[in-house]
Amino acid sequence: MVELVTGHAGKAHATAEQAAGLNAGILGLDDYVLNVHDKLKITVVSANKVTIGTGELVMQGRHVSQGTPEDLIVTNGSQGQKRNDLIVCRYAKGSQSVESAKLVVVRGTPTTGTPTDPAVNTTSPLDGGTTYDMPLYRIPLDGITIGTPVALFNVLKPMSDVWDSLTPVTGQVKMPYSDRYITLVRVGRIVTACAYITLTSNFTQVSNVSVNETIPEGFRPSGDSRAVMRGTDNSGAISFYLYGTPEGKMVLHGTGYTGRFVGISGCWITA
């Protein structure tokens, strides 16, 4: 039966289950730490104690808040053995359907070989699970020494960041051997280049020649790629490439003639 949740019903009727379903539908069917406060930052205090900082998280639609830092005890390690412990946020539904959440250290199994993570509860409360664990950190122990904790969660970016990633940003780069400019448009990390220009000088079969023009900051390719812009005319007599580096430097390869109209296009990923 359909029920209006966000409306006055004359009685208490909105449930935690409905709120969790809304959160999961908007934020996704996964677990996230939100980008506020300390983001549940971990600090190793001693050989058997860590501190989890403040933060907010959403696990399977359930919102959990950590308003003050919390100390957790890690069982001491053993000489000559290794172990992986997990720090989890544990959701539980008890008697009379009372729900709760707390931070728990799940102890792994000591071994002289390569340690594995301990098993955790994975049945989502959205699917009827009464106990569910969201892993936050792996705590590696080598003998009695706590190693560097490994974060196991994703930080959910706010809507404002998503908006910024979808807002086009425009720029331009001067075309070598021309008095015209190539238009650059960046949406998120994707840059497109487009122009229809006239060449003012000849260049014939140049091979990866450095030019003075540079790609502006904010539009330069990432370190594992390079910008590629191709120029051609309708006859096929003009064909060249402009390659750009993460530093913004460009090289020219190909052929062009004075007075000819050239279409230029390109696409790459920025840093």
C-alpha atoms as a PDB file:
ATOM      1  CA  MET A   1       0.000   0.000   0.000  1.00  0.00           C
ATOM      2  CA  VAL A   2       1.305   3.463  -0.905  1.00  0.00           C
ATOM      3  CA  GLU A   3       2.136   5.746   2.022  1.00  0.00           C
ATOM      4  CA  LEU A   4       3.068   9.422   2.008  1.00  0.00           C
ATOM      5  CA  VAL A   5       6.236   9.552   4.104  1.00  0.00           C
ATOM      6  CA  THR A   6       7.081  13.263   3.984  1.00  0.00           C
ATOM      7  CA  GLY A   7       3.616  14.485   4.879  1.00  0.00           C
ATOM      8  CA  HIS A   8       1.460  15.079   7.968  1.00  0.00           C
ATOM      9  CA  ALA A   9      -0.466  11.942   8.911  1.00  0.00           C
ATOM     10  CA  GLY A  10      -1.782  12.962  12.307  1.00  0.00           C
ATOM     11  CA  LYS A  11       0.348  10.285  13.944  1.00  0.00           C
ATOM     12  CA  ALA A  12       3.963   9.087  14.076  1.00  0.00           C
ATOM     13  CA  HIS A  13       4.492   7.147  10.862  1.00  0.00           C
ATOM     14  CA  ALA A  14       7.926   7.925   9.287  1.00  0.00           C
ATOM     15  CA  THR A  15      10.318   5.043  10.050  1.00  0.00           C
ATOM     16  CA  ALA A  16      14.076   4.650  10.142  1.00  0.00           C
ATOM     17  CA  GLU A  17      13.703   2.004   7.441  1.00  0.00           C
ATOM     18  CA  GLN A  18      12.076   4.538   5.131  1.00  0.00           C
ATOM     19  CA  ALA A  19      14.804   7.105   5.836  1.00  0.00           C
ATOM     20  CA  ALA A  20      17.483   4.498   5.138  1.00  0.00           C
ATOM     21  CA  GLY A  21      15.793   3.545   1.875  1.00  0.00           C
ATOM     22  CA  LEU A  22      15.759   7.177   0.771  1.00  0.00           C
ATOM     23  CA  ASN A  23      19.446   7.620   1.685  1.00  0.00           C
ATOM     24  CA  ALA A  24      20.439   4.455  -0.157  1.00  0.00           C
ATOM     25  CA  GLY A  25      18.433   5.457  -3.207  1.00  0.00           C
ATOM     26  CA  ILE A  26      20.083   8.870  -3.407  1.00  0.00           C
ATOM     27  CA  LEU A  27      23.622   8.054  -2.246  1.00  0.00           C
ATOM     28  CA  GLY A  28      23.893   4.522  -3.618  1.00  0.00           C
ATOM     29  CA  LEU A  29      23.773   0.951  -2.365  1.00  0.00           C
ATOM     30  CA  ASP A  30      27.204   1.065  -0.798  1.00  0.00           C
ATOM     31  CA  ASP A  31      29.051   2.351   2.276  1.00  0.00           C
ATOM     32  CA  TYR A  32      30.637   5.788   2.446  1.00  0.00           C
ATOM     33  CA  VAL A  33      32.431   8.126   4.819  1.00  0.00           C
ATOM     34  CA  LEU A  34      31.192  11.670   4.251  1.00  0.00           C
ATOM     35  CA  ASN A  35      33.583  14.512   3.477  1.00  0.00           C
ATOM     36  CA  VAL A  36      33.144  16.359   6.804  1.00  0.00           C
ATOM     37  CA  HIS A  37      34.898  16.670  10.183  1.00  0.00           C
ATOM     38  CA  ASP A  38      37.960  14.365  10.553  1.00  0.00           C
ATOM     39  CA  LYS A  39      36.540  11.769   8.114  1.00  0.00           C
ATOM     40  CA  LEU A  40      37.119   9.142  10.848  1.00  0.00           C
ATOM     41  CA  LYS A  41      40.889   9.636  10.702  1.00  0.00           C
ATOM     42  CA  ILE A  42      42.837   6.957  12.562  1.00  0.00           C
ATOM     43  CA  THR A  43      45.772   7.605  14.900  1.00  0.00           C
ATOM     44  CA  VAL A  44      47.969   4.834  16.300  1.00  0.00           C
ATOM     45  CA  VAL A  45      48.437   5.664  19.974  1.00  0.00           C
ATOM     46  CA  SER A  46      50.399   2.626  21.176  1.00  0.00           C
ATOM     47  CA  ALA A  47      51.057  -1.033  20.422  1.00  0.00           C
ATOM     48  CA  ASN A  48      47.491  -1.898  21.397  1.00  0.00           C
ATOM     49  CA  LYS A  49      45.456   1.287  21.036  1.00  0.00           C
ATOM     50  CA  VAL A  50      44.197   3.426  18.159  1.00  0.00           C
ATOM     51  CA  THR A  51      41.969   6.492  18.080  1.00  0.00           C
ATOM     52  CA  ILE A  52      39.240   7.063  15.495  1.00  0.00           C
ATOM     53  CA  GLY A  53      38.450  10.712  14.896  1.00  0.00           C
ATOM     54  CA  THR A  54      35.160  12.452  14.303  1.00  0.00           C
ATOM     55  CA  GLY A  55      33.112  11.940  11.203  1.00  0.00           C
ATOM     56  CA  GLU A  56      29.908  10.870   9.521  1.00  0.00           C
ATOM     57  CA  LEU A  57      29.244   7.748   7.496  1.00  0.00           C
ATOM     58  CA  VAL A  58      26.390   6.150   5.616  1.00  0.00           C
ATOM     59  CA  MET A  59      26.228   2.355   5.568  1.00  0.00           C
ATOM     60  CA  GLN A  60      23.485   0.733   3.516  1.00  0.00           C
ATOM     61  CA  GLY A  61      21.447   3.910   3.924  1.00  0.00           C
ATOM     62  CA  ARG A  62      21.990   4.117   7.701  1.00  0.00           C
ATOM     63  CA  HIS A  63      23.532   7.418   8.831  1.00  0.00           C
ATOM     64  CA  VAL A  64      26.039   7.020  11.675  1.00  0.00           C
ATOM     65  CA  SER A  65      27.671   9.979  13.439  1.00  0.00           C
ATOM     66  CA  GLN A  66      30.910  10.021  15.442  1.00  0.00           C
ATOM     67  CA  GLY A  67      30.751  13.285  17.397  1.00  0.00           C
ATOM     68  CA  THR A  68      33.884  12.799  19.509  1.00  0.00           C
ATOM     69  CA  PRO A  69      37.075  10.753  18.972  1.00  0.00           C
ATOM     70  CA  GLU A  70      36.978   7.192  20.280  1.00  0.00           C
ATOM     71  CA  ASP A  71      39.785   4.941  21.525  1.00  0.00           C
ATOM     72  CA  LEU A  72      39.790   1.287  20.472  1.00  0.00           C
ATOM     73  CA  ILE A  73      41.911  -1.504  21.948  1.00  0.00           C
ATOM     74  CA  VAL A  74      43.772  -3.829  19.583  1.00  0.00           C
ATOM     75  CA  THR A  75      44.710  -7.199  21.068  1.00  0.00           C
ATOM     76  CA  ASN A  76      48.479  -7.468  21.432  1.00  0.00           C
ATOM     77  CA  GLY A  77      50.332  -9.283  18.677  1.00  0.00           C
ATOM     78  CA  SER A  78      52.601 -12.292  19.161  1.00  0.00           C
ATOM     79  CA  GLN A  79      56.336 -12.524  18.500  1.00  0.00           C
ATOM     80  CA  GLY A  80      57.104 -14.225  15.202  1.00  0.00           C
ATOM     81  CA  GLN A  81      53.526 -14.047  13.934  1.00  0.00           C
ATOM     82  CA  LYS A  82      51.536 -11.705  11.720  1.00  0.00           C
ATOM     83  CA  ARG A  83      47.872 -10.777  11.883  1.00  0.00           C
ATOM     84  CA  ASN A  84      45.332  -8.565  10.183  1.00  0.00           C
ATOM     85  CA  ASP A  85      42.628  -6.981  12.322  1.00  0.00           C
ATOM     86  CA  LEU A  86      39.752  -4.946  10.919  1.00  0.00           C
ATOM     87  CA  ILE A  87      38.116  -1.904  12.441  1.00  0.00           C
ATOM     88  CA  VAL A  88      34.476  -1.890  11.387  1.00  0.00           C
ATOM     89  CA  CYS A  89      31.354   0.087  12.075  1.00  0.00           C
ATOM     90  CA  ARG A  90      28.856  -2.565  13.128  1.00  0.00           C
ATOM     91  CA  TYR A  91      25.128  -2.144  12.641  1.00  0.00           C
ATOM     92  CA  ALA A  92      22.906  -4.384  14.764  1.00  0.00           C
ATOM     93  CA  LYS A  93      19.169  -4.890  15.132  1.00  0.00           C
ATOM     94  CA  GLY A  94      18.278  -6.406  18.481  1.00  0.00           C
ATOM     95  CA  SER A  95      15.138  -7.313  20.347  1.00  0.00           C
ATOM     96  CA  GLN A  96      12.020  -5.274  19.595  1.00  0.00           C
ATOM     97  CA  SER A  97      13.824  -4.139  16.423  1.00  0.00           C
ATOM     98  CA  VAL A  98      16.007  -1.680  18.350  1.00  0.00           C
ATOM     99  CA  GLU A  99      18.912  -0.663  16.085  1.00  0.00           C
ATOM    100  CA  SER A 100      22.401   0.474  17.053  1.00  0.00           C
ATOM    101  CA  ALA A 101      25.863   1.111  15.648  1.00  0.00           C
ATOM    102  CA  LYS A 102      29.305   0.953  17.221  1.00  0.00           C
ATOM    103  CA  LEU A 103      32.976   0.711  16.280  1.00  0.00           C
ATOM    104  CA  VAL A 104      34.410  -2.774  16.701  1.00  0.00           C
ATOM    105  CA  VAL A 105      37.864  -4.329  16.283  1.00  0.00           C
ATOM    106  CA  VAL A 106      37.498  -7.693  14.521  1.00  0.00           C
ATOM    107  CA  ARG A 107      40.532  -9.816  15.379  1.00  0.00           C
ATOM    108  CA  GLY A 108      42.253 -11.789  12.648  1.00  0.00           C
ATOM    109  CA  THR A 109      44.012 -15.136  12.852  1.00  0.00           C
ATOM    110  CA  PRO A 110      47.761 -15.095  13.699  1.00  0.00           C
ATOM    111  CA  THR A 111      50.027 -16.850  11.208  1.00  0.00           C
ATOM    112  CA  THR A 112      53.691 -17.191  10.342  1.00  0.00           C
ATOM    113  CA  GLY A 113      52.785 -16.790   6.668  1.00  0.00           C
ATOM    114  CA  THR A 114      50.735 -14.143   4.905  1.00  0.00           C
ATOM    115  CA  PRO A 115      47.824 -12.987   7.070  1.00  0.00           C
ATOM    116  CA  THR A 116      44.289 -12.620   5.711  1.00  0.00           C
ATOM    117  CA  ASP A 117      41.486 -10.360   6.824  1.00  0.00           C
ATOM    118  CA  PRO A 118      38.961 -11.796   9.267  1.00  0.00           C
ATOM    119  CA  ALA A 119      35.412 -12.504   8.110  1.00  0.00           C
ATOM    120  CA  VAL A 120      32.811  -9.770   8.643  1.00  0.00           C
ATOM    121  CA  ASN A 121      29.017  -9.618   8.441  1.00  0.00           C
ATOM    122  CA  THR A 122      27.921  -8.737   4.919  1.00  0.00           C
ATOM    123  CA  THR A 123      24.130  -9.200   4.775  1.00  0.00           C
ATOM    124  CA  SER A 124      22.720  -5.716   4.254  1.00  0.00           C
ATOM    125  CA  PRO A 125      19.965  -4.494   6.584  1.00  0.00           C
ATOM    126  CA  LEU A 126      18.210  -3.470   3.374  1.00  0.00           C
ATOM    127  CA  ASP A 127      17.986  -7.208   2.674  1.00  0.00           C
ATOM    128  CA  GLY A 128      16.900  -8.134   6.189  1.00  0.00           C
ATOM    129  CA  GLY A 129      20.333  -8.510   7.792  1.00  0.00           C
ATOM    130  CA  THR A 130      20.366  -7.939  11.541  1.00  0.00           C
ATOM    131  CA  THR A 131      24.149  -7.496  11.799  1.00  0.00           C
ATOM    132  CA  TYR A 132      26.244  -5.702   9.211  1.00  0.00           C
ATOM    133  CA  ASP A 133      29.872  -4.553   9.221  1.00  0.00           C
ATOM    134  CA  MET A 134      31.309  -1.647   7.285  1.00  0.00           C
ATOM    135  CA  PRO A 135      35.125  -2.101   7.180  1.00  0.00           C
ATOM    136  CA  LEU A 136      36.962   1.122   7.933  1.00  0.00           C
ATOM    137  CA  TYR A 137      40.612   0.125   8.442  1.00  0.00           C
ATOM    138  CA  ARG A 138      42.910  -2.867   8.185  1.00  0.00           C
ATOM    139  CA  ILE A 139      45.364  -2.979  11.094  1.00  0.00           C
ATOM    140  CA  PRO A 140      48.416  -5.091  10.158  1.00  0.00           C
ATOM    141  CA  LEU A 141      50.419  -6.516  13.045  1.00  0.00           C
ATOM    142  CA  ASP A 142      53.915  -7.936  12.653  1.00  0.00           C
ATOM    143  CA  GLY A 143      54.893  -9.463  15.968  1.00  0.00           C
ATOM    144  CA  ILE A 144      53.924  -6.949  18.628  1.00  0.00           C
ATOM    145  CA  THR A 145      54.225  -3.984  16.252  1.00  0.00           C
ATOM    146  CA  ILE A 146      51.208  -2.270  14.692  1.00  0.00           C
ATOM    147  CA  GLY A 147      51.902  -1.362  11.089  1.00  0.00           C
ATOM    148  CA  THR A 148      50.426   1.494   9.078  1.00  0.00           C
ATOM    149  CA  PRO A 149      46.607   1.264   9.044  1.00  0.00           C
ATOM    150  CA  VAL A 150      45.038   0.858   5.602  1.00  0.00           C
ATOM    151  CA  ALA A 151      41.826   2.775   4.889  1.00  0.00           C
ATOM    152  CA  LEU A 152      39.148   0.548   3.333  1.00  0.00           C
ATOM    153  CA  PHE A 153      36.368   3.089   2.799  1.00  0.00           C
ATOM    154  CA  ASN A 154      35.417   5.519   0.057  1.00  0.00           C
ATOM    155  CA  VAL A 155      34.847   9.193   0.838  1.00  0.00           C
ATOM    156  CA  LEU A 156      31.636  10.391  -0.774  1.00  0.00           C
ATOM    157  CA  LYS A 157      32.153  13.783  -2.389  1.00  0.00           C
ATOM    158  CA  PRO A 158      29.489  16.439  -1.825  1.00  0.00           C
ATOM    159  CA  MET A 159      26.991  17.520  -4.473  1.00  0.00           C
ATOM    160  CA  SER A 160      28.906  20.795  -4.918  1.00  0.00           C
ATOM    161  CA  ASP A 161      31.912  18.840  -6.206  1.00  0.00           C
ATOM    162  CA  VAL A 162      29.688  16.972  -8.647  1.00  0.00           C
ATOM    163  CA  TRP A 163      28.285  20.282  -9.858  1.00  0.00           C
ATOM    164  CA  ASP A 164      31.788  21.671 -10.398  1.00  0.00           C
ATOM    165  CA  SER A 165      32.749  18.544 -12.354  1.00  0.00           C
ATOM    166  CA  LEU A 166      29.817  19.103 -14.733  1.00  0.00           C
ATOM    167  CA  THR A 167      30.320  22.837 -15.265  1.00  0.00           C
ATOM    168  CA  PRO A 168      32.141  23.626 -18.556  1.00  0.00           C
ATOM    169  CA  VAL A 169      35.294  25.747 -18.312  1.00  0.00           C
ATOM    170  CA  THR A 170      36.604  27.397 -21.476  1.00  0.00           C
ATOM    171  CA  GLY A 171      40.092  28.434 -22.521  1.00  0.00           C
ATOM    172  CA  GLN A 172      42.183  28.776 -25.638  1.00  0.00           C
ATOM    173  CA  VAL A 173      45.585  28.067 -27.097  1.00  0.00           C
ATOM    174  CA  LYS A 174      47.126  29.900 -30.050  1.00  0.00           C
ATOM    175  CA  MET A 175      47.605  27.843 -33.189  1.00  0.00           C
ATOM    176  CA  PRO A 176      51.223  27.824 -34.391  1.00  0.00           C
ATOM    177  CA  TYR A 177      51.691  29.375 -37.864  1.00  0.00           C
ATOM    178  CA  SER A 178      48.416  31.262 -37.455  1.00  0.00           C
ATOM    179  CA  ASP A 179      46.947  34.344 -35.794  1.00  0.00           C
ATOM    180  CA  ARG A 180      43.880  32.346 -34.675  1.00  0.00           C
ATOM    181  CA  TYR A 181      43.154  30.405 -31.494  1.00  0.00           C
ATOM    182  CA  ILE A 182      41.959  26.891 -30.731  1.00  0.00           C
ATOM    183  CA  THR A 183      39.033  26.808 -28.292  1.00  0.00           C
ATOM    184  CA  LEU A 184      39.424  24.489 -25.298  1.00  0.00           C
ATOM    185  CA  VAL A 185      36.493  23.287 -23.182  1.00  0.00           C
ATOM    186  CA  ARG A 186      36.970  21.282 -19.987  1.00  0.00           C
ATOM    187  CA  VAL A 187      34.157  19.354 -18.298  1.00  0.00           C
ATOM    188  CA  GLY A 188      35.441  17.531 -15.250  1.00  0.00           C
ATOM    189  CA  ARG A 189      38.782  16.080 -16.389  1.00  0.00           C
ATOM    190  CA  ILE A 190      37.877  15.825 -20.063  1.00  0.00           C
ATOM    191  CA  VAL A 191      39.165  18.525 -22.429  1.00  0.00           C
ATOM    192  CA  THR A 192      37.992  18.977 -25.998  1.00  0.00           C
ATOM    193  CA  ALA A 193      39.703  21.176 -28.574  1.00  0.00           C
ATOM    194  CA  CYS A 194      37.920  22.638 -31.584  1.00  0.00           C
ATOM    195  CA  ALA A 195      38.691  25.311 -34.195  1.00  0.00           C
ATOM    196  CA  TYR A 196      38.290  26.261 -37.856  1.00  0.00           C
ATOM    197  CA  ILE A 197      41.202  28.541 -38.662  1.00  0.00           C
ATOM    198  CA  THR A 198      43.342  30.004 -41.424  1.00  0.00           C
ATOM    199  CA  LEU A 199      47.073  29.307 -41.547  1.00  0.00           C
ATOM    200  CA  THR A 200      49.322  32.346 -42.052  1.00  0.00           C
ATOM    201  CA  SER A 201      52.581  30.500 -42.746  1.00  0.00           C
ATOM    202  CA  ASN A 202      53.763  27.337 -44.487  1.00  0.00           C
ATOM    203  CA  PHE A 203      55.243  24.331 -42.733  1.00  0.00           C
ATOM    204  CA  THR A 204      56.133  21.289 -44.784  1.00  0.00           C
ATOM    205  CA  GLN A 205      56.614  17.802 -43.409  1.00  0.00           C
ATOM    206  CA  VAL A 206      57.891  19.028 -40.068  1.00  0.00           C
ATOM    207  CA  SER A 207      58.641  16.214 -37.660  1.00  0.00           C
ATOM    208  CA  ASN A 208      57.895  16.771 -33.961  1.00  0.00           C
ATOM    209  CA  VAL A 209      59.144  20.368 -33.984  1.00  0.00           C
ATOM    210  CA  SER A 210      58.816  22.301 -30.729  1.00  0.00           C
ATOM    211  CA  VAL A 211      56.673  25.443 -30.965  1.00  0.00           C
ATOM    212  CA  ASN A 212      56.487  28.474 -28.709  1.00  0.00           C
ATOM    213  CA  GLU A 213      52.764  28.206 -27.993  1.00  0.00           C
ATOM    214  CA  THR A 214      51.736  26.404 -24.786  1.00  0.00           C
ATOM    215  CA  ILE A 215      48.576  24.825 -23.400  1.00  0.00           C
ATOM    216  CA  PRO A 216      47.300  26.921 -20.450  1.00  0.00           C
ATOM    217  CA  GLU A 217      47.219  25.511 -16.929  1.00  0.00           C
ATOM    218  CA  GLY A 218      43.992  23.735 -16.098  1.00  0.00           C
ATOM    219  CA  PHE A 219      43.790  22.225 -19.582  1.00  0.00           C
ATOM    220  CA  ARG A 220      47.074  20.339 -19.707  1.00  0.00           C
ATOM    221  CA  PRO A 221      47.062  16.540 -20.026  1.00  0.00           C
ATOM    222  CA  SER A 222      47.665  14.242 -17.075  1.00  0.00           C
ATOM    223  CA  GLY A 223      51.082  12.757 -16.437  1.00  0.00           C
ATOM    224  CA  ASP A 224      50.179   9.417 -18.013  1.00  0.00           C
ATOM    225  CA  SER A 225      48.795  10.886 -21.254  1.00  0.00           C
ATOM    226  CA  ARG A 226      49.316  13.731 -23.689  1.00  0.00           C
ATOM    227  CA  ALA A 227      47.129  16.152 -25.565  1.00  0.00           C
ATOM    228  CA  VAL A 228      46.561  15.306 -29.211  1.00  0.00           C
ATOM    229  CA  MET A 229      45.021  17.774 -31.683  1.00  0.00           C
ATOM    230  CA  ARG A 230      44.640  16.920 -35.350  1.00  0.00           C
ATOM    231  CA  GLY A 231      44.299  19.419 -38.188  1.00  0.00           C
ATOM    232  CA  THR A 232      43.032  18.598 -41.711  1.00  0.00           C
ATOM    233  CA  ASP A 233      41.475  20.352 -44.685  1.00  0.00           C
ATOM    234  CA  ASN A 234      38.886  19.055 -47.148  1.00  0.00           C
ATOM    235  CA  SER A 235      41.437  18.226 -49.814  1.00  0.00           C
ATOM    236  CA  GLY A 236      43.624  16.105 -47.588  1.00  0.00           C
ATOM    237  CA  ALA A 237      46.677  18.148 -48.643  1.00  0.00           C
ATOM    238  CA  ILE A 238      47.028  19.505 -45.138  1.00  0.00           C
ATOM    239  CA  SER A 239      47.398  17.048 -42.291  1.00  0.00           C
ATOM    240  CA  PHE A 240      49.193  17.651 -39.037  1.00  0.00           C
ATOM    241  CA  TYR A 241      49.171  16.823 -35.335  1.00  0.00           C
ATOM    242  CA  LEU A 242      49.817  18.998 -32.303  1.00  0.00           C
ATOM    243  CA  TYR A 243      51.039  17.065 -29.270  1.00  0.00           C
ATOM    244  CA  GLY A 244      50.956  18.606 -25.791  1.00  0.00           C
ATOM    245  CA  THR A 245      52.791  17.532 -22.618  1.00  0.00           C
ATOM    246  CA  PRO A 246      51.739  17.778 -18.939  1.00  0.00           C
ATOM    247  CA  GLU A 247      54.002  20.861 -18.749  1.00  0.00           C
ATOM    248  CA  GLY A 248      51.980  22.545 -21.496  1.00  0.00           C
ATOM    249  CA  LYS A 249      54.707  22.377 -24.154  1.00  0.00           C
ATOM    250  CA  MET A 250      53.627  21.479 -27.676  1.00  0.00           C
ATOM    251  CA  VAL A 251      55.253  19.955 -30.749  1.00  0.00           C
ATOM    252  CA  LEU A 252      54.008  20.048 -34.353  1.00  0.00           C
ATOM    253  CA  HIS A 253      54.117  17.196 -36.827  1.00  0.00           C
ATOM    254  CA  GLY A 254      52.896  17.344 -40.419  1.00  0.00           C
ATOM    255  CA  THR A 255      52.208  19.817 -43.255  1.00  0.00           C
ATOM    256  CA  GLY A 256      50.280  23.099 -43.651  1.00  0.00           C
ATOM    257  CA  TYR A 257      50.042  25.902 -46.233  1.00  0.00           C
ATOM    258  CA  THR A 258      49.438  29.648 -46.020  1.00  0.00           C
ATOM    259  CA  GLY A 259      45.859  30.789 -46.511  1.00  0.00           C
ATOM    260  CA  ARG A 260      44.276  27.360 -46.216  1.00  0.00           C
ATOM    261  CA  PHE A 261      41.321  26.736 -43.890  1.00  0.00           C
ATOM    262  CA  VAL A 262      41.895  23.924 -41.439  1.00  0.00           C
ATOM    263  CA  GLY A 263      39.598  22.114 -39.047  1.00  0.00           C
ATOM    264  CA  ILE A 264      41.181  21.167 -35.727  1.00  0.00           C
ATOM    265  CA  SER A 265      39.833  18.747 -33.133  1.00  0.00           C
ATOM    266  CA  GLY A 266      41.157  16.859 -30.123  1.00  0.00           C
ATOM    267  CA  CYS A 267      40.295  15.316 -26.774  1.00  0.00           C
ATOM    268  CA  TRP A 268      42.332  14.312 -23.703  1.00  0.00           C
ATOM    269  CA  ILE A 269      42.270  13.843 -19.920  1.00  0.00           C
ATOM    270  CA  THR A 270      43.660  16.497 -17.604  1.00  0.00           C
ATOM    271  CA  ALA A 271      45.449  16.009 -14.318  1.00  0.00           C
END
